[in-house]
Amino acid sequence: MTWSAFTFLGCVAFFIGHEIDATYRKEWRLLLLLRSMKDETAAAWFIALHVPVVFFVLALIALPDAGFAVVSRNVFCAFAVVHAGLHAFWPKSGLYLFDNTVSRSLIYGAGLFGASYLI
């Protein structure tokens, strides 16, 4: 496996882990459009909205057009780095439940692998 493939797949794996953790940590409570809903409704929307997003991301990074796939991978990894930065500076409140070792490892692991891919 090439370094590029290793770091990209690491980024994807940690990011998927974070998204699973985000459901457990009720991340919808931090999102403007979902926070006003009851938890059960917001959770259903949060999960349902991830299906087309994940499909779209996977479709882009798996395209047969190698050039476009590389650009998509670069954008995904750059997003993982920015996402880690957002979590690092997110105002901590009672609604922010990612302040633990597992959550931080997943968030910053995705960012670290993403940065490694981009270097």
PDB file of N, CA and C in Angstrom:
ATOM      1  N   MET A   1       0.850  -1.177   0.000  1.00  0.00           N
ATOM      2  CA  MET A   1       0.000   0.000   0.000  1.00  0.00           C
ATOM      3  C   MET A   1       0.896   1.240   0.000  1.00  0.00           C
ATOM      4  N   THR A   2       0.532   2.203  -0.799  1.00  0.00           N
ATOM      5  CA  THR A   2       1.316   3.435  -0.860  1.00  0.00           C
ATOM      6  C   THR A   2       1.021   4.309   0.362  1.00  0.00           C
ATOM      7  N   TRP A   3       1.935   5.231   0.639  1.00  0.00           N
ATOM      8  CA  TRP A   3       1.751   6.178   1.746  1.00  0.00           C
ATOM      9  C   TRP A   3       0.482   6.990   1.523  1.00  0.00           C
ATOM     10  N   SER A   4       0.254   7.409   0.297  1.00  0.00           N
ATOM     11  CA  SER A   4      -0.918   8.193  -0.054  1.00  0.00           C
ATOM     12  C   SER A   4      -2.199   7.420   0.267  1.00  0.00           C
ATOM     13  N   ALA A   5      -2.254   6.164  -0.140  1.00  0.00           N
ATOM     14  CA  ALA A   5      -3.438   5.341   0.130  1.00  0.00           C
ATOM     15  C   ALA A   5      -3.605   5.117   1.632  1.00  0.00           C
ATOM     16  N   PHE A   6      -2.500   4.855   2.322  1.00  0.00           N
ATOM     17  CA  PHE A   6      -2.540   4.610   3.764  1.00  0.00           C
ATOM     18  C   PHE A   6      -3.084   5.822   4.523  1.00  0.00           C
ATOM     19  N   THR A   7      -2.562   7.000   4.208  1.00  0.00           N
ATOM     20  CA  THR A   7      -2.982   8.198   4.932  1.00  0.00           C
ATOM     21  C   THR A   7      -4.417   8.585   4.576  1.00  0.00           C
ATOM     22  N   PHE A   8      -4.803   8.409   3.311  1.00  0.00           N
ATOM     23  CA  PHE A   8      -6.173   8.727   2.925  1.00  0.00           C
ATOM     24  C   PHE A   8      -7.159   7.791   3.620  1.00  0.00           C
ATOM     25  N   LEU A   9      -6.886   6.498   3.581  1.00  0.00           N
ATOM     26  CA  LEU A   9      -7.788   5.537   4.229  1.00  0.00           C
ATOM     27  C   LEU A   9      -7.819   5.745   5.743  1.00  0.00           C
ATOM     28  N   GLY A  10      -6.689   6.125   6.329  1.00  0.00           N
ATOM     29  CA  GLY A  10      -6.671   6.448   7.754  1.00  0.00           C
ATOM     30  C   GLY A  10      -7.576   7.623   8.054  1.00  0.00           C
ATOM     31  N   CYS A  11      -7.513   8.648   7.213  1.00  0.00           N
ATOM     32  CA  CYS A  11      -8.367   9.824   7.370  1.00  0.00           C
ATOM     33  C   CYS A  11      -9.836   9.417   7.296  1.00  0.00           C
ATOM     34  N   VAL A  12     -10.187   8.632   6.298  1.00  0.00           N
ATOM     35  CA  VAL A  12     -11.577   8.192   6.126  1.00  0.00           C
ATOM     36  C   VAL A  12     -12.027   7.351   7.323  1.00  0.00           C
ATOM     37  N   ALA A  13     -11.186   6.422   7.754  1.00  0.00           N
ATOM     38  CA  ALA A  13     -11.557   5.541   8.869  1.00  0.00           C
ATOM     39  C   ALA A  13     -11.790   6.335  10.152  1.00  0.00           C
ATOM     40  N   PHE A  14     -10.883   7.249  10.473  1.00  0.00           N
ATOM     41  CA  PHE A  14     -11.055   8.050  11.685  1.00  0.00           C
ATOM     42  C   PHE A  14     -12.277   8.959  11.565  1.00  0.00           C
ATOM     43  N   PHE A  15     -12.521   9.493  10.366  1.00  0.00           N
ATOM     44  CA  PHE A  15     -13.675  10.374  10.184  1.00  0.00           C
ATOM     45  C   PHE A  15     -14.980   9.593  10.332  1.00  0.00           C
ATOM     46  N   ILE A  16     -15.034   8.389   9.781  1.00  0.00           N
ATOM     47  CA  ILE A  16     -16.232   7.553   9.950  1.00  0.00           C
ATOM     48  C   ILE A  16     -16.425   7.236  11.437  1.00  0.00           C
ATOM     49  N   GLY A  17     -15.339   6.918  12.119  1.00  0.00           N
ATOM     50  CA  GLY A  17     -15.426   6.686  13.560  1.00  0.00           C
ATOM     51  C   GLY A  17     -15.978   7.902  14.278  1.00  0.00           C
ATOM     52  N   HIS A  18     -15.525   9.088  13.882  1.00  0.00           N
ATOM     53  CA  HIS A  18     -16.027  10.320  14.494  1.00  0.00           C
ATOM     54  C   HIS A  18     -17.521  10.483  14.229  1.00  0.00           C
ATOM     55  N   GLU A  19     -17.965  10.175  13.027  1.00  0.00           N
ATOM     56  CA  GLU A  19     -19.387  10.337  12.714  1.00  0.00           C
ATOM     57  C   GLU A  19     -20.251   9.385  13.542  1.00  0.00           C
ATOM     58  N   ILE A  20     -19.745   8.190  13.795  1.00  0.00           N
ATOM     59  CA  ILE A  20     -20.461   7.266  14.679  1.00  0.00           C
ATOM     60  C   ILE A  20     -20.503   7.849  16.091  1.00  0.00           C
ATOM     61  N   ASP A  21     -19.364   8.333  16.551  1.00  0.00           N
ATOM     62  CA  ASP A  21     -19.273   8.956  17.872  1.00  0.00           C
ATOM     63  C   ASP A  21     -20.161  10.195  17.942  1.00  0.00           C
ATOM     64  N   ALA A  22     -20.271  10.941  16.838  1.00  0.00           N
ATOM     65  CA  ALA A  22     -21.089  12.158  16.807  1.00  0.00           C
ATOM     66  C   ALA A  22     -22.559  11.845  17.075  1.00  0.00           C
ATOM     67  N   THR A  23     -23.006  10.692  16.619  1.00  0.00           N
ATOM     68  CA  THR A  23     -24.380  10.294  16.900  1.00  0.00           C
ATOM     69  C   THR A  23     -24.527   9.986  18.389  1.00  0.00           C
ATOM     70  N   TYR A  24     -23.570   9.255  18.921  1.00  0.00           N
ATOM     71  CA  TYR A  24     -23.588   8.924  20.352  1.00  0.00           C
ATOM     72  C   TYR A  24     -23.526  10.188  21.211  1.00  0.00           C
ATOM     73  N   ARG A  25     -22.741  11.169  20.775  1.00  0.00           N
ATOM     74  CA  ARG A  25     -22.530  12.410  21.545  1.00  0.00           C
ATOM     75  C   ARG A  25     -23.583  13.480  21.244  1.00  0.00           C
ATOM     76  N   LYS A  26     -24.574  13.133  20.425  1.00  0.00           N
ATOM     77  CA  LYS A  26     -25.697  14.026  20.106  1.00  0.00           C
ATOM     78  C   LYS A  26     -25.236  15.351  19.491  1.00  0.00           C
ATOM     79  N   GLU A  27     -24.431  15.224  18.441  1.00  0.00           N
ATOM     80  CA  GLU A  27     -23.870  16.408  17.786  1.00  0.00           C
ATOM     81  C   GLU A  27     -24.945  17.326  17.208  1.00  0.00           C
ATOM     82  N   TRP A  28     -26.117  16.794  16.911  1.00  0.00           N
ATOM     83  CA  TRP A  28     -27.174  17.634  16.354  1.00  0.00           C
ATOM     84  C   TRP A  28     -27.535  18.778  17.290  1.00  0.00           C
ATOM     85  N   ARG A  29     -27.252  18.646  18.571  1.00  0.00           N
ATOM     86  CA  ARG A  29     -27.546  19.713  19.521  1.00  0.00           C
ATOM     87  C   ARG A  29     -26.665  20.947  19.277  1.00  0.00           C
ATOM     88  N   LEU A  30     -25.593  20.771  18.510  1.00  0.00           N
ATOM     89  CA  LEU A  30     -24.690  21.885  18.185  1.00  0.00           C
ATOM     90  C   LEU A  30     -25.046  22.535  16.848  1.00  0.00           C
ATOM     91  N   LEU A  31     -25.912  21.890  16.080  1.00  0.00           N
ATOM     92  CA  LEU A  31     -26.225  22.358  14.732  1.00  0.00           C
ATOM     93  C   LEU A  31     -27.486  23.216  14.729  1.00  0.00           C
ATOM     94  N   LEU A  32     -27.373  24.378  14.138  1.00  0.00           N
ATOM     95  CA  LEU A  32     -28.429  25.383  14.184  1.00  0.00           C
ATOM     96  C   LEU A  32     -29.798  24.842  13.757  1.00  0.00           C
ATOM     97  N   LEU A  33     -29.866  24.115  12.666  1.00  0.00           N
ATOM     98  CA  LEU A  33     -31.153  23.664  12.149  1.00  0.00           C
ATOM     99  C   LEU A  33     -31.770  22.510  12.941  1.00  0.00           C
ATOM    100  N   LEU A  34     -30.948  21.757  13.658  1.00  0.00           N
ATOM    101  CA  LEU A  34     -31.456  20.576  14.357  1.00  0.00           C
ATOM    102  C   LEU A  34     -31.620  20.772  15.862  1.00  0.00           C
ATOM    103  N   ARG A  35     -30.947  21.739  16.430  1.00  0.00           N
ATOM    104  CA  ARG A  35     -30.921  21.865  17.897  1.00  0.00           C
ATOM    105  C   ARG A  35     -32.274  22.170  18.518  1.00  0.00           C
ATOM    106  N   SER A  36     -33.178  22.754  17.759  1.00  0.00           N
ATOM    107  CA  SER A  36     -34.484  23.098  18.329  1.00  0.00           C
ATOM    108  C   SER A  36     -35.468  21.922  18.306  1.00  0.00           C
ATOM    109  N   MET A  37     -35.106  20.840  17.633  1.00  0.00           N
ATOM    110  CA  MET A  37     -35.987  19.671  17.550  1.00  0.00           C
ATOM    111  C   MET A  37     -35.833  18.791  18.787  1.00  0.00           C
ATOM    112  N   LYS A  38     -36.828  17.942  19.023  1.00  0.00           N
ATOM    113  CA  LYS A  38     -36.702  16.932  20.069  1.00  0.00           C
ATOM    114  C   LYS A  38     -35.566  15.996  19.670  1.00  0.00           C
ATOM    115  N   ASP A  39     -34.878  15.436  20.657  1.00  0.00           N
ATOM    116  CA  ASP A  39     -33.719  14.583  20.380  1.00  0.00           C
ATOM    117  C   ASP A  39     -34.032  13.446  19.407  1.00  0.00           C
ATOM    118  N   GLU A  40     -35.156  12.788  19.589  1.00  0.00           N
ATOM    119  CA  GLU A  40     -35.487  11.652  18.726  1.00  0.00           C
ATOM    120  C   GLU A  40     -35.650  12.084  17.268  1.00  0.00           C
ATOM    121  N   THR A  41     -36.312  13.204  17.049  1.00  0.00           N
ATOM    122  CA  THR A  41     -36.499  13.725  15.688  1.00  0.00           C
ATOM    123  C   THR A  41     -35.181  14.216  15.111  1.00  0.00           C
ATOM    124  N   ALA A  42     -34.434  14.960  15.908  1.00  0.00           N
ATOM    125  CA  ALA A  42     -33.145  15.488  15.444  1.00  0.00           C
ATOM    126  C   ALA A  42     -32.174  14.360  15.120  1.00  0.00           C
ATOM    127  N   ALA A  43     -32.150  13.325  15.944  1.00  0.00           N
ATOM    128  CA  ALA A  43     -31.262  12.181  15.690  1.00  0.00           C
ATOM    129  C   ALA A  43     -31.619  11.512  14.373  1.00  0.00           C
ATOM    130  N   ALA A  44     -32.908  11.341  14.130  1.00  0.00           N
ATOM    131  CA  ALA A  44     -33.340  10.713  12.872  1.00  0.00           C
ATOM    132  C   ALA A  44     -32.899  11.549  11.671  1.00  0.00           C
ATOM    133  N   TRP A  45     -33.076  12.860  11.752  1.00  0.00           N
ATOM    134  CA  TRP A  45     -32.637  13.743  10.663  1.00  0.00           C
ATOM    135  C   TRP A  45     -31.118  13.729  10.503  1.00  0.00           C
ATOM    136  N   PHE A  46     -30.418  13.789  11.628  1.00  0.00           N
ATOM    137  CA  PHE A  46     -28.952  13.788  11.609  1.00  0.00           C
ATOM    138  C   PHE A  46     -28.421  12.547  10.892  1.00  0.00           C
ATOM    139  N   ILE A  47     -28.962  11.395  11.245  1.00  0.00           N
ATOM    140  CA  ILE A  47     -28.531  10.142  10.625  1.00  0.00           C
ATOM    141  C   ILE A  47     -28.957  10.093   9.167  1.00  0.00           C
ATOM    142  N   ALA A  48     -30.213  10.434   8.897  1.00  0.00           N
ATOM    143  CA  ALA A  48     -30.721  10.379   7.519  1.00  0.00           C
ATOM    144  C   ALA A  48     -29.942  11.304   6.585  1.00  0.00           C
ATOM    145  N   LEU A  49     -29.590  12.477   7.056  1.00  0.00           N
ATOM    146  CA  LEU A  49     -28.842  13.423   6.210  1.00  0.00           C
ATOM    147  C   LEU A  49     -27.420  12.946   5.923  1.00  0.00           C
ATOM    148  N   HIS A  50     -26.886  12.090   6.774  1.00  0.00           N
ATOM    149  CA  HIS A  50     -25.544  11.570   6.533  1.00  0.00           C
ATOM    150  C   HIS A  50     -25.511  10.570   5.377  1.00  0.00           C
ATOM    151  N   VAL A  51     -26.622   9.914   5.088  1.00  0.00           N
ATOM    152  CA  VAL A  51     -26.638   8.914   4.009  1.00  0.00           C
ATOM    153  C   VAL A  51     -26.293   9.541   2.654  1.00  0.00           C
ATOM    154  N   PRO A  52     -26.969  10.598   2.207  1.00  0.00           N
ATOM    155  CA  PRO A  52     -26.583  11.173   0.916  1.00  0.00           C
ATOM    156  C   PRO A  52     -25.198  11.820   0.941  1.00  0.00           C
ATOM    157  N   VAL A  53     -24.820  12.380   2.073  1.00  0.00           N
ATOM    158  CA  VAL A  53     -23.490  12.990   2.178  1.00  0.00           C
ATOM    159  C   VAL A  53     -22.413  11.920   2.022  1.00  0.00           C
ATOM    160  N   VAL A  54     -22.549  10.813   2.733  1.00  0.00           N
ATOM    161  CA  VAL A  54     -21.568   9.724   2.634  1.00  0.00           C
ATOM    162  C   VAL A  54     -21.560   9.143   1.227  1.00  0.00           C
ATOM    163  N   PHE A  55     -22.732   8.958   0.646  1.00  0.00           N
ATOM    164  CA  PHE A  55     -22.804   8.453  -0.726  1.00  0.00           C
ATOM    165  C   PHE A  55     -22.059   9.377  -1.681  1.00  0.00           C
ATOM    166  N   PHE A  56     -22.322  10.668  -1.576  1.00  0.00           N
ATOM    167  CA  PHE A  56     -21.698  11.655  -2.446  1.00  0.00           C
ATOM    168  C   PHE A  56     -20.174  11.657  -2.283  1.00  0.00           C
ATOM    169  N   VAL A  57     -19.708  11.644  -1.044  1.00  0.00           N
ATOM    170  CA  VAL A  57     -18.261  11.637  -0.785  1.00  0.00           C
ATOM    171  C   VAL A  57     -17.618  10.363  -1.340  1.00  0.00           C
ATOM    172  N   LEU A  58     -18.221   9.221  -1.065  1.00  0.00           N
ATOM    173  CA  LEU A  58     -17.661   7.956  -1.569  1.00  0.00           C
ATOM    174  C   LEU A  58     -17.681   7.910  -3.096  1.00  0.00           C
ATOM    175  N   ALA A  59     -18.745   8.425  -3.694  1.00  0.00           N
ATOM    176  CA  ALA A  59     -18.822   8.447  -5.155  1.00  0.00           C
ATOM    177  C   ALA A  59     -17.710   9.311  -5.735  1.00  0.00           C
ATOM    178  N   LEU A  60     -17.465  10.457  -5.134  1.00  0.00           N
ATOM    179  CA  LEU A  60     -16.427  11.357  -5.645  1.00  0.00           C
ATOM    180  C   LEU A  60     -15.030  10.765  -5.531  1.00  0.00           C
ATOM    181  N   ILE A  61     -14.738  10.144  -4.395  1.00  0.00           N
ATOM    182  CA  ILE A  61     -13.376   9.633  -4.205  1.00  0.00           C
ATOM    183  C   ILE A  61     -13.141   8.325  -4.948  1.00  0.00           C
ATOM    184  N   ALA A  62     -14.211   7.701  -5.427  1.00  0.00           N
ATOM    185  CA  ALA A  62     -14.076   6.429  -6.150  1.00  0.00           C
ATOM    186  C   ALA A  62     -14.280   6.588  -7.650  1.00  0.00           C
ATOM    187  N   LEU A  63     -14.375   7.797  -8.138  1.00  0.00           N
ATOM    188  CA  LEU A  63     -14.622   8.016  -9.565  1.00  0.00           C
ATOM    189  C   LEU A  63     -13.516   7.400 -10.422  1.00  0.00           C
ATOM    190  N   PRO A  64     -13.898   6.887 -11.583  1.00  0.00           N
ATOM    191  CA  PRO A  64     -12.882   6.329 -12.478  1.00  0.00           C
ATOM    192  C   PRO A  64     -11.953   7.399 -13.052  1.00  0.00           C
ATOM    193  N   ASP A  65     -12.394   8.652 -13.082  1.00  0.00           N
ATOM    194  CA  ASP A  65     -11.543   9.755 -13.541  1.00  0.00           C
ATOM    195  C   ASP A  65     -10.524  10.033 -12.441  1.00  0.00           C
ATOM    196  N   ALA A  66      -9.319   9.530 -12.626  1.00  0.00           N
ATOM    197  CA  ALA A  66      -8.293   9.603 -11.581  1.00  0.00           C
ATOM    198  C   ALA A  66      -8.022  11.038 -11.136  1.00  0.00           C
ATOM    199  N   GLY A  67      -7.996  11.976 -12.067  1.00  0.00           N
ATOM    200  CA  GLY A  67      -7.724  13.366 -11.711  1.00  0.00           C
ATOM    201  C   GLY A  67      -8.774  13.938 -10.793  1.00  0.00           C
ATOM    202  N   PHE A  68     -10.034  13.690 -11.110  1.00  0.00           N
ATOM    203  CA  PHE A  68     -11.116  14.206 -10.288  1.00  0.00           C
ATOM    204  C   PHE A  68     -11.146  13.507  -8.932  1.00  0.00           C
ATOM    205  N   ALA A  69     -10.839  12.221  -8.907  1.00  0.00           N
ATOM    206  CA  ALA A  69     -10.801  11.476  -7.647  1.00  0.00           C
ATOM    207  C   ALA A  69      -9.715  12.038  -6.733  1.00  0.00           C
ATOM    208  N   VAL A  70      -8.564  12.373  -7.297  1.00  0.00           N
ATOM    209  CA  VAL A  70      -7.464  12.934  -6.493  1.00  0.00           C
ATOM    210  C   VAL A  70      -7.872  14.291  -5.919  1.00  0.00           C
ATOM    211  N   VAL A  71      -8.507  15.124  -6.730  1.00  0.00           N
ATOM    212  CA  VAL A  71      -8.976  16.419  -6.243  1.00  0.00           C
ATOM    213  C   VAL A  71      -9.986  16.211  -5.117  1.00  0.00           C
ATOM    214  N   SER A  72     -10.899  15.262  -5.287  1.00  0.00           N
ATOM    215  CA  SER A  72     -11.908  14.973  -4.262  1.00  0.00           C
ATOM    216  C   SER A  72     -11.257  14.491  -2.975  1.00  0.00           C
ATOM    217  N   ARG A  73     -10.235  13.662  -3.096  1.00  0.00           N
ATOM    218  CA  ARG A  73      -9.520  13.183  -1.904  1.00  0.00           C
ATOM    219  C   ARG A  73      -8.813  14.338  -1.205  1.00  0.00           C
ATOM    220  N   ASN A  74      -8.226  15.227  -1.992  1.00  0.00           N
ATOM    221  CA  ASN A  74      -7.564  16.398  -1.406  1.00  0.00           C
ATOM    222  C   ASN A  74      -8.571  17.253  -0.637  1.00  0.00           C
ATOM    223  N   VAL A  75      -9.729  17.475  -1.236  1.00  0.00           N
ATOM    224  CA  VAL A  75     -10.763  18.287  -0.582  1.00  0.00           C
ATOM    225  C   VAL A  75     -11.246  17.604   0.697  1.00  0.00           C
ATOM    226  N   PHE A  76     -11.467  16.294   0.643  1.00  0.00           N
ATOM    227  CA  PHE A  76     -11.909  15.560   1.830  1.00  0.00           C
ATOM    228  C   PHE A  76     -10.881  15.674   2.950  1.00  0.00           C
ATOM    229  N   CYS A  77      -9.615  15.465   2.624  1.00  0.00           N
ATOM    230  CA  CYS A  77      -8.564  15.523   3.644  1.00  0.00           C
ATOM    231  C   CYS A  77      -8.398  16.937   4.182  1.00  0.00           C
ATOM    232  N   ALA A  78      -8.519  17.944   3.315  1.00  0.00           N
ATOM    233  CA  ALA A  78      -8.454  19.328   3.775  1.00  0.00           C
ATOM    234  C   ALA A  78      -9.629  19.622   4.713  1.00  0.00           C
ATOM    235  N   PHE A  79     -10.806  19.101   4.374  1.00  0.00           N
ATOM    236  CA  PHE A  79     -11.965  19.277   5.248  1.00  0.00           C
ATOM    237  C   PHE A  79     -11.718  18.635   6.611  1.00  0.00           C
ATOM    238  N   ALA A  80     -11.089  17.462   6.634  1.00  0.00           N
ATOM    239  CA  ALA A  80     -10.799  16.784   7.903  1.00  0.00           C
ATOM    240  C   ALA A  80      -9.878  17.638   8.771  1.00  0.00           C
ATOM    241  N   VAL A  81      -8.917  18.311   8.149  1.00  0.00           N
ATOM    242  CA  VAL A  81      -8.000  19.192   8.888  1.00  0.00           C
ATOM    243  C   VAL A  81      -8.766  20.396   9.445  1.00  0.00           C
ATOM    244  N   VAL A  82      -9.575  21.033   8.602  1.00  0.00           N
ATOM    245  CA  VAL A  82     -10.368  22.186   9.039  1.00  0.00           C
ATOM    246  C   VAL A  82     -11.357  21.767  10.128  1.00  0.00           C
ATOM    247  N   HIS A  83     -11.983  20.615   9.945  1.00  0.00           N
ATOM    248  CA  HIS A  83     -12.938  20.083  10.913  1.00  0.00           C
ATOM    249  C   HIS A  83     -12.272  19.887  12.281  1.00  0.00           C
ATOM    250  N   ALA A  84     -11.055  19.344  12.285  1.00  0.00           N
ATOM    251  CA  ALA A  84     -10.320  19.169  13.546  1.00  0.00           C
ATOM    252  C   ALA A  84     -10.056  20.532  14.185  1.00  0.00           C
ATOM    253  N   GLY A  85      -9.712  21.511  13.372  1.00  0.00           N
ATOM    254  CA  GLY A  85      -9.500  22.865  13.886  1.00  0.00           C
ATOM    255  C   GLY A  85     -10.762  23.464  14.484  1.00  0.00           C
ATOM    256  N   LEU A  86     -11.889  23.232  13.826  1.00  0.00           N
ATOM    257  CA  LEU A  86     -13.156  23.731  14.354  1.00  0.00           C
ATOM    258  C   LEU A  86     -13.458  23.119  15.718  1.00  0.00           C
ATOM    259  N   HIS A  87     -13.226  21.820  15.843  1.00  0.00           N
ATOM    260  CA  HIS A  87     -13.461  21.171  17.132  1.00  0.00           C
ATOM    261  C   HIS A  87     -12.484  21.674  18.194  1.00  0.00           C
ATOM    262  N   ALA A  88     -11.260  21.980  17.796  1.00  0.00           N
ATOM    263  CA  ALA A  88     -10.275  22.472  18.765  1.00  0.00           C
ATOM    264  C   ALA A  88     -10.697  23.819  19.353  1.00  0.00           C
ATOM    265  N   PHE A  89     -11.354  24.638  18.530  1.00  0.00           N
ATOM    266  CA  PHE A  89     -11.701  25.989  18.970  1.00  0.00           C
ATOM    267  C   PHE A  89     -13.190  26.182  19.216  1.00  0.00           C
ATOM    268  N   TRP A  90     -13.977  25.094  19.124  1.00  0.00           N
ATOM    269  CA  TRP A  90     -15.421  25.195  19.354  1.00  0.00           C
ATOM    270  C   TRP A  90     -15.661  25.654  20.784  1.00  0.00           C
ATOM    271  N   PRO A  91     -16.534  26.625  20.961  1.00  0.00           N
ATOM    272  CA  PRO A  91     -16.818  27.061  22.335  1.00  0.00           C
ATOM    273  C   PRO A  91     -17.395  25.900  23.145  1.00  0.00           C
ATOM    274  N   LYS A  92     -16.761  25.597  24.245  1.00  0.00           N
ATOM    275  CA  LYS A  92     -17.196  24.480  25.069  1.00  0.00           C
ATOM    276  C   LYS A  92     -18.422  24.896  25.887  1.00  0.00           C
ATOM    277  N   SER A  93     -19.422  24.064  25.840  1.00  0.00           N
ATOM    278  CA  SER A  93     -20.642  24.314  26.606  1.00  0.00           C
ATOM    279  C   SER A  93     -21.165  22.970  27.083  1.00  0.00           C
ATOM    280  N   GLY A  94     -22.277  22.988  27.760  1.00  0.00           N
ATOM    281  CA  GLY A  94     -22.890  21.751  28.224  1.00  0.00           C
ATOM    282  C   GLY A  94     -23.357  20.869  27.069  1.00  0.00           C
ATOM    283  N   LEU A  95     -23.517  21.457  25.885  1.00  0.00           N
ATOM    284  CA  LEU A  95     -23.966  20.694  24.718  1.00  0.00           C
ATOM    285  C   LEU A  95     -22.808  20.016  23.986  1.00  0.00           C
ATOM    286  N   TYR A  96     -21.593  20.466  24.237  1.00  0.00           N
ATOM    287  CA  TYR A  96     -20.409  19.918  23.564  1.00  0.00           C
ATOM    288  C   TYR A  96     -19.925  18.700  24.346  1.00  0.00           C
ATOM    289  N   LEU A  97     -20.114  17.510  23.758  1.00  0.00           N
ATOM    290  CA  LEU A  97     -19.803  16.271  24.465  1.00  0.00           C
ATOM    291  C   LEU A  97     -18.597  15.530  23.877  1.00  0.00           C
ATOM    292  N   PHE A  98     -17.751  16.250  23.143  1.00  0.00           N
ATOM    293  CA  PHE A  98     -16.590  15.631  22.498  1.00  0.00           C
ATOM    294  C   PHE A  98     -15.302  15.830  23.290  1.00  0.00           C
ATOM    295  N   ASP A  99     -15.420  16.294  24.510  1.00  0.00           N
ATOM    296  CA  ASP A  99     -14.238  16.581  25.325  1.00  0.00           C
ATOM    297  C   ASP A  99     -13.833  15.345  26.130  1.00  0.00           C
ATOM    298  N   ASN A 100     -13.449  14.300  25.402  1.00  0.00           N
ATOM    299  CA  ASN A 100     -13.015  13.050  26.020  1.00  0.00           C
ATOM    300  C   ASN A 100     -11.987  12.395  25.100  1.00  0.00           C
ATOM    301  N   THR A 101     -11.278  11.425  25.600  1.00  0.00           N
ATOM    302  CA  THR A 101     -10.168  10.818  24.860  1.00  0.00           C
ATOM    303  C   THR A 101     -10.613  10.158  23.562  1.00  0.00           C
ATOM    304  N   VAL A 102     -11.699   9.415  23.597  1.00  0.00           N
ATOM    305  CA  VAL A 102     -12.155   8.721  22.385  1.00  0.00           C
ATOM    306  C   VAL A 102     -12.531   9.726  21.302  1.00  0.00           C
ATOM    307  N   SER A 103     -13.355  10.696  21.649  1.00  0.00           N
ATOM    308  CA  SER A 103     -13.796  11.688  20.661  1.00  0.00           C
ATOM    309  C   SER A 103     -12.626  12.482  20.094  1.00  0.00           C
ATOM    310  N   ARG A 104     -11.756  12.963  20.972  1.00  0.00           N
ATOM    311  CA  ARG A 104     -10.602  13.742  20.505  1.00  0.00           C
ATOM    312  C   ARG A 104      -9.692  12.892  19.623  1.00  0.00           C
ATOM    313  N   SER A 105      -9.502  11.628  19.965  1.00  0.00           N
ATOM    314  CA  SER A 105      -8.651  10.741  19.158  1.00  0.00           C
ATOM    315  C   SER A 105      -9.216  10.571  17.752  1.00  0.00           C
ATOM    316  N   LEU A 106     -10.525  10.421  17.652  1.00  0.00           N
ATOM    317  CA  LEU A 106     -11.150  10.260  16.331  1.00  0.00           C
ATOM    318  C   LEU A 106     -11.075  11.554  15.519  1.00  0.00           C
ATOM    319  N   ILE A 107     -11.402  12.664  16.142  1.00  0.00           N
ATOM    320  CA  ILE A 107     -11.396  13.958  15.448  1.00  0.00           C
ATOM    321  C   ILE A 107      -9.987  14.325  14.997  1.00  0.00           C
ATOM    322  N   TYR A 108      -9.036  14.289  15.932  1.00  0.00           N
ATOM    323  CA  TYR A 108      -7.680  14.713  15.598  1.00  0.00           C
ATOM    324  C   TYR A 108      -6.940  13.646  14.799  1.00  0.00           C
ATOM    325  N   GLY A 109      -7.334  12.396  14.948  1.00  0.00           N
ATOM    326  CA  GLY A 109      -6.763  11.329  14.099  1.00  0.00           C
ATOM    327  C   GLY A 109      -7.114  11.567  12.650  1.00  0.00           C
ATOM    328  N   ALA A 110      -8.372  11.917  12.374  1.00  0.00           N
ATOM    329  CA  ALA A 110      -8.782  12.224  10.997  1.00  0.00           C
ATOM    330  C   ALA A 110      -7.999  13.431  10.479  1.00  0.00           C
ATOM    331  N   GLY A 111      -7.871  14.454  11.320  1.00  0.00           N
ATOM    332  CA  GLY A 111      -7.120  15.641  10.895  1.00  0.00           C
ATOM    333  C   GLY A 111      -5.652  15.353  10.648  1.00  0.00           C
ATOM    334  N   LEU A 112      -5.048  14.547  11.507  1.00  0.00           N
ATOM    335  CA  LEU A 112      -3.628  14.196  11.346  1.00  0.00           C
ATOM    336  C   LEU A 112      -3.392  13.377  10.083  1.00  0.00           C
ATOM    337  N   PHE A 113      -4.231  12.372   9.855  1.00  0.00           N
ATOM    338  CA  PHE A 113      -4.107  11.582   8.631  1.00  0.00           C
ATOM    339  C   PHE A 113      -4.386  12.448   7.413  1.00  0.00           C
ATOM    340  N   GLY A 114      -5.373  13.339   7.521  1.00  0.00           N
ATOM    341  CA  GLY A 114      -5.669  14.245   6.405  1.00  0.00           C
ATOM    342  C   GLY A 114      -4.495  15.158   6.074  1.00  0.00           C
ATOM    343  N   ALA A 115      -3.877  15.719   7.110  1.00  0.00           N
ATOM    344  CA  ALA A 115      -2.709  16.575   6.896  1.00  0.00           C
ATOM    345  C   ALA A 115      -1.551  15.777   6.317  1.00  0.00           C
ATOM    346  N   SER A 116      -1.368  14.563   6.807  1.00  0.00           N
ATOM    347  CA  SER A 116      -0.284  13.706   6.288  1.00  0.00           C
ATOM    348  C   SER A 116      -0.504  13.380   4.814  1.00  0.00           C
ATOM    349  N   TYR A 117      -1.740  13.174   4.444  1.00  0.00           N
ATOM    350  CA  TYR A 117      -2.058  12.897   3.038  1.00  0.00           C
ATOM    351  C   TYR A 117      -1.718  14.110   2.167  1.00  0.00           C
ATOM    352  N   LEU A 118      -2.025  15.295   2.670  1.00  0.00           N
ATOM    353  CA  LEU A 118      -1.835  16.503   1.873  1.00  0.00           C
ATOM    354  C   LEU A 118      -0.376  16.938   1.742  1.00  0.00           C
ATOM    355  N   ILE A 119       0.468  16.457   2.640  1.00  0.00           N
ATOM    356  CA  ILE A 119       1.892  16.856   2.615  1.00  0.00           C
ATOM    357  C   ILE A 119       2.631  16.140   1.510  1.00  0.00           C
TER     358      ILE A 119
END
